[in-house]
């Protein structure tokens, strides 16, 4: 899959730029796969939260609107089977 290629590239870049030990990189990789995030990034280059269903994404969007007045729209992740939120 495409995201595996991207993850390998990120891994290689991290080793080259930060000189992190390979054991640490493996731990980061495992944490990433076990998290609720994917390789999509926001405008601040932070990984986006991945919601398993449209319902979960819409529920979070409603909560954020009710609590903070932030209007967000759910959309399907183009690279994995999940949903993201974006400003409307």
Protein backbone atom coordinates (compact mmCIF):
# COMPACT_ATOMS: atom_id res chain seq x y z
CA UNK A 1 0.00 0.00 0.00
CA UNK A 2 1.00 3.59 -0.59
CA UNK A 3 1.11 4.52 3.11
CA UNK A 4 3.72 1.83 3.78
CA UNK A 5 6.02 3.41 1.20
CA UNK A 6 5.50 6.81 2.78
CA UNK A 7 6.15 5.40 6.24
CA UNK A 8 9.42 3.85 5.04
CA UNK A 9 10.46 7.21 3.59
CA UNK A 10 9.61 8.98 6.85
CA UNK A 11 11.56 6.36 8.77
CA UNK A 12 14.61 6.85 6.53
CA UNK A 13 14.36 10.65 6.85
CA UNK A 14 14.11 10.44 10.63
CA UNK A 15 17.24 8.32 10.85
CA UNK A 16 19.15 10.60 8.49
CA UNK A 17 18.08 13.92 10.04
CA UNK A 18 17.80 13.13 13.72
CA UNK A 19 20.19 10.20 13.95
CA UNK A 20 17.67 8.25 16.02
CA UNK A 21 18.59 4.68 16.82
CA UNK A 22 16.74 2.09 14.74
CA UNK A 23 15.14 0.61 17.89
CA UNK A 24 13.53 3.98 18.61
CA UNK A 25 12.28 4.23 15.02
CA UNK A 26 10.69 0.77 15.30
CA UNK A 27 8.93 1.86 18.51
CA UNK A 28 7.61 4.99 16.77
CA UNK A 29 6.39 2.85 13.87
CA UNK A 30 4.54 0.46 16.21
CA UNK A 31 2.97 3.35 18.13
CA UNK A 32 1.86 4.91 14.85
CA UNK A 33 0.17 1.72 13.61
CA UNK A 34 -1.60 1.29 16.96
CA UNK A 35 -2.85 4.86 17.06
CA UNK A 36 -5.88 6.65 15.69
CA UNK A 37 -3.83 8.61 13.17
CA UNK A 38 -2.85 8.13 9.55
CA UNK A 39 -0.24 9.69 7.29
CA UNK A 40 -2.45 12.63 6.33
CA UNK A 41 -1.22 15.92 7.78
CA UNK A 42 -2.84 19.23 8.54
CA UNK A 43 -1.55 22.70 7.62
CA UNK A 44 0.83 22.53 10.61
CA UNK A 45 2.27 19.22 9.37
CA UNK A 46 0.73 17.32 12.29
CA UNK A 47 -0.82 13.91 11.67
CA UNK A 48 -4.59 14.04 11.41
CA UNK A 49 -6.89 12.12 13.74
CA UNK A 50 -8.52 9.20 11.98
CA UNK A 51 -12.08 8.27 12.93
CA UNK A 52 -13.20 4.72 12.18
CA UNK A 53 -16.67 5.74 10.97
CA UNK A 54 -18.42 8.77 9.57
CA UNK A 55 -20.68 8.67 12.62
CA UNK A 56 -17.72 8.99 15.02
CA UNK A 57 -16.31 11.90 13.02
CA UNK A 58 -19.67 13.69 12.89
CA UNK A 59 -20.19 13.08 16.60
CA UNK A 60 -16.80 14.70 17.37
CA UNK A 61 -17.58 17.59 15.01
CA UNK A 62 -20.88 18.20 16.81
CA UNK A 63 -19.15 18.10 20.20
CA UNK A 64 -16.54 20.64 19.09
CA UNK A 65 -19.24 22.90 17.66
CA UNK A 66 -21.33 22.71 20.85
CA UNK A 67 -18.35 23.21 23.18
CA UNK A 68 -16.13 25.61 21.24
CA UNK A 69 -18.20 26.93 18.35
CA UNK A 70 -15.81 25.36 15.80
CA UNK A 71 -17.60 24.21 12.64
CA UNK A 72 -15.99 21.10 11.15
CA UNK A 73 -17.01 18.77 8.32
CA UNK A 74 -16.27 15.04 8.14
CA UNK A 75 -14.73 13.66 4.96
CA UNK A 76 -13.35 10.23 3.99
CA UNK A 77 -9.59 9.74 4.25
CA UNK A 78 -8.17 9.42 0.73
CA UNK A 79 -5.47 6.95 1.87
CA UNK A 80 -7.08 4.69 4.45
CA UNK A 81 -10.46 3.44 5.55
CA UNK A 82 -11.46 6.15 7.97
CA UNK A 83 -12.68 9.72 8.29
CA UNK A 84 -11.10 13.10 9.08
CA UNK A 85 -12.45 16.49 10.09
CA UNK A 86 -11.78 19.71 8.21
CA UNK A 87 -12.80 23.33 8.69
CA UNK A 88 -15.87 24.13 6.65
